[in-house]
Amino acid sequence: MDLRSGNLRRFLSTTSSLFDRPLSAAKAARVTEQIPPSTTLFVSGLSGRTTNQKLREAFANFGDVIQGKVVTDRSSLSNHSKGYGFVRYSNLEDAKKGMEGMDGQFLDGRVIFTEYAKPKDTL
């Protein structure tokens, strides 16, 4: 793009309005919707190097972890990580401690984010 002709400036001015628009009522409800507490946590921001075992060990500091599962791309031959996973605790108290303790922390060089997993029937 030629900056002198203003094409880039025109492009940026038209696309920036996409971010200024308010959310529709339906989207706003989904964004603010509270996910009920669960013994399963959704973990995002995982490194490609994070394994099921590493995920489980990191969260085990906060309670009894039943399972740690990194979601992988089944279509690729090498089963690359999709960058997210799930951790299941034996009870709600441990899940809450794990969520609060690991949210925003580093794991394998990446900052991870945790929240309660949505029930399968609402996906």
N, C-alpha and C. Protein backbone atom coordinates (compact mmCIF):
# COMPACT_ATOMS: atom_id res chain seq x y z
N MET A 1 0.83 -1.19 0.00
CA MET A 1 0.00 0.00 0.00
C MET A 1 0.87 1.24 0.00
N ASP A 2 0.45 2.20 -0.75
CA ASP A 2 1.18 3.45 -0.84
C ASP A 2 0.68 4.39 0.25
N LEU A 3 1.56 4.71 1.21
CA LEU A 3 1.17 5.57 2.31
C LEU A 3 0.87 6.99 1.86
N ARG A 4 1.51 7.42 0.77
CA ARG A 4 1.33 8.80 0.32
C ARG A 4 -0.07 9.02 -0.24
N SER A 5 -0.66 7.98 -0.78
CA SER A 5 -1.99 8.17 -1.38
C SER A 5 -3.10 8.10 -0.34
N GLY A 6 -2.76 7.75 0.89
CA GLY A 6 -3.78 7.70 1.93
C GLY A 6 -4.55 6.39 1.99
N ASN A 7 -4.14 5.41 1.17
CA ASN A 7 -4.86 4.13 1.18
C ASN A 7 -4.81 3.46 2.55
N LEU A 8 -3.64 3.46 3.15
CA LEU A 8 -3.52 2.82 4.46
C LEU A 8 -4.35 3.58 5.49
N ARG A 9 -4.27 4.90 5.45
CA ARG A 9 -5.03 5.72 6.39
C ARG A 9 -6.53 5.48 6.21
N ARG A 10 -6.97 5.37 4.98
CA ARG A 10 -8.39 5.13 4.69
C ARG A 10 -8.79 3.74 5.19
N PHE A 11 -7.91 2.75 4.96
CA PHE A 11 -8.18 1.39 5.42
C PHE A 11 -8.31 1.36 6.94
N LEU A 12 -7.35 1.98 7.62
CA LEU A 12 -7.39 1.97 9.08
C LEU A 12 -8.59 2.72 9.63
N SER A 13 -8.98 3.80 8.98
CA SER A 13 -10.12 4.55 9.48
C SER A 13 -11.42 3.79 9.29
N THR A 14 -11.51 2.94 8.27
CA THR A 14 -12.74 2.18 8.07
C THR A 14 -12.79 0.95 8.95
N THR A 15 -11.64 0.34 9.23
CA THR A 15 -11.66 -0.86 10.07
C THR A 15 -11.73 -0.53 11.54
N SER A 16 -11.24 0.64 11.95
CA SER A 16 -11.29 0.96 13.37
C SER A 16 -12.72 1.12 13.86
N SER A 17 -13.63 1.46 12.97
CA SER A 17 -15.03 1.59 13.39
C SER A 17 -15.62 0.24 13.77
N LEU A 18 -15.02 -0.85 13.30
CA LEU A 18 -15.51 -2.18 13.68
C LEU A 18 -15.37 -2.41 15.17
N PHE A 19 -14.33 -1.82 15.77
CA PHE A 19 -14.08 -2.03 17.18
C PHE A 19 -14.82 -1.03 18.06
N ASP A 20 -15.35 0.02 17.48
CA ASP A 20 -16.05 1.04 18.24
C ASP A 20 -17.52 0.72 18.43
N ARG A 21 -18.04 -0.22 17.65
CA ARG A 21 -19.46 -0.53 17.73
C ARG A 21 -19.79 -1.25 19.02
N PRO A 22 -20.93 -0.91 19.64
CA PRO A 22 -21.32 -1.63 20.86
C PRO A 22 -21.76 -3.05 20.52
N LEU A 23 -21.64 -3.93 21.49
CA LEU A 23 -22.07 -5.31 21.30
C LEU A 23 -23.59 -5.38 21.22
N SER A 24 -24.08 -6.32 20.43
CA SER A 24 -25.51 -6.54 20.40
C SER A 24 -25.93 -7.10 21.75
N ALA A 25 -27.21 -7.05 22.06
CA ALA A 25 -27.71 -7.52 23.34
C ALA A 25 -27.40 -9.00 23.55
N ALA A 26 -27.53 -9.79 22.49
CA ALA A 26 -27.26 -11.23 22.60
C ALA A 26 -25.78 -11.48 22.90
N LYS A 27 -24.90 -10.76 22.19
CA LYS A 27 -23.47 -10.95 22.41
C LYS A 27 -23.07 -10.45 23.79
N ALA A 28 -23.63 -9.34 24.21
CA ALA A 28 -23.32 -8.80 25.53
C ALA A 28 -23.74 -9.76 26.63
N ALA A 29 -24.88 -10.42 26.44
CA ALA A 29 -25.34 -11.39 27.43
C ALA A 29 -24.38 -12.57 27.52
N ARG A 30 -23.86 -13.03 26.38
CA ARG A 30 -22.92 -14.14 26.38
C ARG A 30 -21.61 -13.75 27.03
N VAL A 31 -21.15 -12.52 26.79
CA VAL A 31 -19.88 -12.06 27.35
C VAL A 31 -19.97 -11.97 28.86
N THR A 32 -21.08 -11.45 29.39
CA THR A 32 -21.22 -11.25 30.82
C THR A 32 -21.81 -12.47 31.53
N GLU A 33 -22.20 -13.49 30.78
CA GLU A 33 -22.79 -14.70 31.36
C GLU A 33 -21.79 -15.37 32.29
N GLN A 34 -22.25 -15.66 33.49
CA GLN A 34 -21.40 -16.34 34.46
C GLN A 34 -21.47 -17.84 34.25
N ILE A 35 -20.33 -18.46 34.20
CA ILE A 35 -20.26 -19.91 34.07
C ILE A 35 -20.33 -20.48 35.49
N PRO A 36 -21.24 -21.42 35.72
CA PRO A 36 -21.35 -21.97 37.08
C PRO A 36 -20.07 -22.70 37.49
N PRO A 37 -19.75 -22.68 38.79
CA PRO A 37 -18.56 -23.39 39.25
C PRO A 37 -18.60 -24.86 38.85
N SER A 38 -17.44 -25.36 38.53
CA SER A 38 -17.31 -26.74 38.08
C SER A 38 -15.99 -27.29 38.59
N THR A 39 -15.88 -28.60 38.66
CA THR A 39 -14.61 -29.20 39.05
C THR A 39 -13.64 -29.24 37.88
N THR A 40 -14.11 -28.89 36.68
CA THR A 40 -13.26 -28.87 35.49
C THR A 40 -12.94 -27.43 35.11
N LEU A 41 -11.67 -27.16 34.88
CA LEU A 41 -11.22 -25.83 34.48
C LEU A 41 -10.81 -25.84 33.01
N PHE A 42 -11.11 -24.75 32.33
CA PHE A 42 -10.66 -24.52 30.96
C PHE A 42 -9.38 -23.70 31.07
N VAL A 43 -8.32 -24.14 30.42
CA VAL A 43 -7.02 -23.46 30.49
C VAL A 43 -6.62 -23.05 29.08
N SER A 44 -6.41 -21.76 28.87
CA SER A 44 -6.02 -21.27 27.54
C SER A 44 -4.63 -20.64 27.60
N GLY A 45 -4.03 -20.48 26.43
CA GLY A 45 -2.70 -19.88 26.32
C GLY A 45 -1.57 -20.86 26.51
N LEU A 46 -1.86 -22.15 26.39
CA LEU A 46 -0.82 -23.16 26.61
C LEU A 46 0.23 -23.16 25.50
N SER A 47 1.44 -23.44 25.90
CA SER A 47 2.55 -23.58 24.95
C SER A 47 2.42 -24.90 24.21
N GLY A 48 3.01 -24.97 23.04
CA GLY A 48 3.04 -26.21 22.29
C GLY A 48 3.87 -27.28 22.98
N ARG A 49 4.71 -26.86 23.93
CA ARG A 49 5.55 -27.81 24.67
C ARG A 49 4.86 -28.40 25.89
N THR A 50 3.72 -27.85 26.27
CA THR A 50 3.03 -28.33 27.47
C THR A 50 2.40 -29.69 27.22
N THR A 51 2.69 -30.63 28.08
CA THR A 51 2.15 -31.98 27.98
C THR A 51 1.04 -32.17 29.02
N ASN A 52 0.31 -33.26 28.88
CA ASN A 52 -0.71 -33.59 29.87
C ASN A 52 -0.10 -33.67 31.27
N GLN A 53 1.05 -34.29 31.36
CA GLN A 53 1.72 -34.47 32.66
C GLN A 53 2.14 -33.12 33.25
N LYS A 54 2.72 -32.24 32.44
CA LYS A 54 3.15 -30.92 32.94
C LYS A 54 1.94 -30.11 33.40
N LEU A 55 0.85 -30.19 32.66
CA LEU A 55 -0.37 -29.46 33.02
C LEU A 55 -0.88 -29.97 34.36
N ARG A 56 -0.94 -31.26 34.50
CA ARG A 56 -1.43 -31.86 35.74
C ARG A 56 -0.53 -31.48 36.92
N GLU A 57 0.77 -31.55 36.75
CA GLU A 57 1.71 -31.23 37.82
C GLU A 57 1.60 -29.76 38.25
N ALA A 58 1.44 -28.86 37.30
CA ALA A 58 1.35 -27.44 37.63
C ALA A 58 0.11 -27.15 38.47
N PHE A 59 -0.99 -27.79 38.17
CA PHE A 59 -2.24 -27.54 38.89
C PHE A 59 -2.34 -28.37 40.17
N ALA A 60 -1.53 -29.40 40.31
CA ALA A 60 -1.58 -30.26 41.50
C ALA A 60 -1.14 -29.52 42.76
N ASN A 61 -0.46 -28.40 42.61
CA ASN A 61 -0.05 -27.61 43.78
C ASN A 61 -1.25 -27.04 44.54
N PHE A 62 -2.42 -27.04 43.93
CA PHE A 62 -3.59 -26.41 44.52
C PHE A 62 -4.66 -27.40 44.96
N GLY A 63 -4.44 -28.69 44.73
CA GLY A 63 -5.42 -29.67 45.16
C GLY A 63 -5.27 -30.98 44.41
N ASP A 64 -6.25 -31.85 44.63
CA ASP A 64 -6.23 -33.20 44.05
C ASP A 64 -6.71 -33.17 42.60
N VAL A 65 -5.76 -33.26 41.65
CA VAL A 65 -6.09 -33.24 40.23
C VAL A 65 -6.38 -34.66 39.76
N ILE A 66 -7.53 -34.84 39.14
CA ILE A 66 -7.91 -36.14 38.60
C ILE A 66 -7.33 -36.32 37.21
N GLN A 67 -7.40 -35.24 36.40
CA GLN A 67 -6.92 -35.33 35.02
C GLN A 67 -6.46 -33.97 34.51
N GLY A 68 -5.40 -33.98 33.72
CA GLY A 68 -4.95 -32.81 32.98
C GLY A 68 -4.87 -33.20 31.52
N LYS A 69 -5.56 -32.48 30.66
CA LYS A 69 -5.64 -32.88 29.24
C LYS A 69 -5.37 -31.68 28.35
N VAL A 70 -4.30 -31.77 27.54
CA VAL A 70 -4.00 -30.77 26.53
C VAL A 70 -4.70 -31.21 25.25
N VAL A 71 -5.50 -30.33 24.67
CA VAL A 71 -6.23 -30.66 23.45
C VAL A 71 -5.27 -30.54 22.27
N THR A 72 -5.24 -31.58 21.44
CA THR A 72 -4.34 -31.60 20.29
C THR A 72 -5.12 -31.67 18.99
N ASP A 73 -4.46 -31.30 17.92
CA ASP A 73 -5.06 -31.33 16.59
C ASP A 73 -4.95 -32.74 16.04
N ARG A 74 -6.07 -33.42 15.99
CA ARG A 74 -6.05 -34.82 15.54
C ARG A 74 -5.78 -34.96 14.04
N SER A 75 -5.99 -33.88 13.30
CA SER A 75 -5.78 -33.97 11.85
C SER A 75 -4.31 -33.89 11.46
N SER A 76 -3.47 -33.35 12.36
CA SER A 76 -2.04 -33.29 12.03
C SER A 76 -1.36 -34.59 12.48
N LEU A 77 -0.34 -34.97 11.76
CA LEU A 77 0.35 -36.21 12.08
C LEU A 77 1.10 -36.14 13.41
N SER A 78 1.52 -34.95 13.79
CA SER A 78 2.33 -34.82 15.00
C SER A 78 1.50 -34.47 16.23
N ASN A 79 0.18 -34.37 16.10
CA ASN A 79 -0.71 -34.05 17.23
C ASN A 79 -0.29 -32.76 17.93
N HIS A 80 -0.14 -31.68 17.20
CA HIS A 80 0.23 -30.38 17.77
C HIS A 80 -0.84 -29.90 18.72
N SER A 81 -0.40 -29.23 19.77
CA SER A 81 -1.31 -28.65 20.75
C SER A 81 -2.13 -27.54 20.10
N LYS A 82 -3.39 -27.45 20.48
CA LYS A 82 -4.23 -26.36 20.01
C LYS A 82 -4.12 -25.13 20.92
N GLY A 83 -3.34 -25.25 21.99
CA GLY A 83 -3.10 -24.10 22.86
C GLY A 83 -4.07 -23.99 24.03
N TYR A 84 -4.88 -25.01 24.23
CA TYR A 84 -5.77 -24.99 25.39
C TYR A 84 -5.95 -26.41 25.91
N GLY A 85 -6.53 -26.50 27.09
CA GLY A 85 -6.73 -27.81 27.69
C GLY A 85 -7.70 -27.73 28.85
N PHE A 86 -7.82 -28.83 29.57
CA PHE A 86 -8.75 -28.93 30.69
C PHE A 86 -8.05 -29.61 31.86
N VAL A 87 -8.39 -29.15 33.06
CA VAL A 87 -7.89 -29.75 34.28
C VAL A 87 -9.11 -30.08 35.14
N ARG A 88 -9.19 -31.33 35.60
CA ARG A 88 -10.33 -31.73 36.43
C ARG A 88 -9.85 -32.06 37.84
N TYR A 89 -10.49 -31.40 38.81
CA TYR A 89 -10.19 -31.61 40.22
C TYR A 89 -11.23 -32.54 40.84
N SER A 90 -10.90 -33.05 42.02
CA SER A 90 -11.82 -33.96 42.71
C SER A 90 -12.96 -33.22 43.41
N ASN A 91 -12.78 -31.91 43.69
CA ASN A 91 -13.85 -31.15 44.34
C ASN A 91 -13.81 -29.68 43.94
N LEU A 92 -14.89 -28.97 44.22
CA LEU A 92 -15.03 -27.57 43.82
C LEU A 92 -14.03 -26.64 44.52
N GLU A 93 -13.74 -26.92 45.77
CA GLU A 93 -12.82 -26.05 46.53
C GLU A 93 -11.43 -26.07 45.90
N ASP A 94 -10.95 -27.25 45.55
CA ASP A 94 -9.64 -27.36 44.91
C ASP A 94 -9.65 -26.70 43.53
N ALA A 95 -10.75 -26.87 42.81
CA ALA A 95 -10.86 -26.25 41.48
C ALA A 95 -10.79 -24.73 41.59
N LYS A 96 -11.46 -24.18 42.58
CA LYS A 96 -11.43 -22.72 42.77
C LYS A 96 -10.02 -22.25 43.12
N LYS A 97 -9.34 -22.98 44.00
CA LYS A 97 -7.96 -22.63 44.36
C LYS A 97 -7.05 -22.72 43.14
N GLY A 98 -7.23 -23.77 42.34
CA GLY A 98 -6.41 -23.93 41.14
C GLY A 98 -6.65 -22.83 40.13
N MET A 99 -7.91 -22.46 39.95
CA MET A 99 -8.25 -21.40 39.00
C MET A 99 -7.64 -20.07 39.44
N GLU A 100 -7.82 -19.74 40.70
CA GLU A 100 -7.30 -18.46 41.20
C GLU A 100 -5.77 -18.47 41.26
N GLY A 101 -5.18 -19.61 41.59
CA GLY A 101 -3.74 -19.69 41.73
C GLY A 101 -2.98 -19.70 40.42
N MET A 102 -3.58 -20.26 39.38
CA MET A 102 -2.85 -20.39 38.10
C MET A 102 -3.23 -19.35 37.06
N ASP A 103 -4.33 -18.64 37.25
CA ASP A 103 -4.76 -17.64 36.27
C ASP A 103 -3.71 -16.53 36.16
N GLY A 104 -3.21 -16.30 34.95
CA GLY A 104 -2.22 -15.25 34.72
C GLY A 104 -0.79 -15.67 35.04
N GLN A 105 -0.57 -16.93 35.34
CA GLN A 105 0.77 -17.42 35.67
C GLN A 105 1.47 -17.96 34.43
N PHE A 106 2.79 -18.13 34.53
CA PHE A 106 3.58 -18.68 33.43
C PHE A 106 3.63 -20.19 33.53
N LEU A 107 3.47 -20.86 32.40
CA LEU A 107 3.65 -22.30 32.30
C LEU A 107 4.35 -22.56 30.97
N ASP A 108 5.52 -23.14 31.02
CA ASP A 108 6.33 -23.40 29.83
C ASP A 108 6.57 -22.14 29.00
N GLY A 109 6.82 -21.02 29.69
CA GLY A 109 7.16 -19.78 29.01
C GLY A 109 5.99 -18.99 28.47
N ARG A 110 4.76 -19.39 28.73
CA ARG A 110 3.57 -18.68 28.25
C ARG A 110 2.66 -18.35 29.43
N VAL A 111 2.00 -17.20 29.35
CA VAL A 111 1.01 -16.83 30.36
C VAL A 111 -0.27 -17.60 30.05
N ILE A 112 -0.80 -18.28 31.06
CA ILE A 112 -2.03 -19.05 30.86
C ILE A 112 -3.19 -18.38 31.58
N PHE A 113 -4.39 -18.68 31.13
CA PHE A 113 -5.61 -18.13 31.72
C PHE A 113 -6.55 -19.28 32.05
N THR A 114 -7.20 -19.17 33.18
CA THR A 114 -8.08 -20.24 33.63
C THR A 114 -9.48 -19.72 33.92
N GLU A 115 -10.45 -20.56 33.70
CA GLU A 115 -11.84 -20.27 34.06
C GLU A 115 -12.56 -21.60 34.18
N TYR A 116 -13.74 -21.56 34.80
CA TYR A 116 -14.52 -22.78 34.88
C TYR A 116 -14.92 -23.21 33.47
N ALA A 117 -14.85 -24.50 33.23
CA ALA A 117 -15.24 -25.03 31.90
C ALA A 117 -16.75 -24.98 31.78
N LYS A 118 -17.20 -24.67 30.58
CA LYS A 118 -18.64 -24.69 30.32
C LYS A 118 -19.10 -26.13 30.24
N PRO A 119 -20.31 -26.41 30.75
CA PRO A 119 -20.84 -27.78 30.59
C PRO A 119 -20.98 -28.13 29.13
N LYS A 120 -20.79 -29.39 28.79
CA LYS A 120 -20.84 -29.83 27.39
C LYS A 120 -22.18 -29.53 26.73
N ASP A 121 -23.26 -29.57 27.48
CA ASP A 121 -24.58 -29.36 26.87
C ASP A 121 -24.82 -27.91 26.46
N THR A 122 -24.01 -26.94 26.95
CA THR A 122 -24.18 -25.55 26.57
C THR A 122 -23.22 -25.12 25.48
N LEU A 123 -22.37 -26.01 25.03
CA LEU A 123 -21.42 -25.67 23.97
C LEU A 123 -22.17 -25.67 22.70
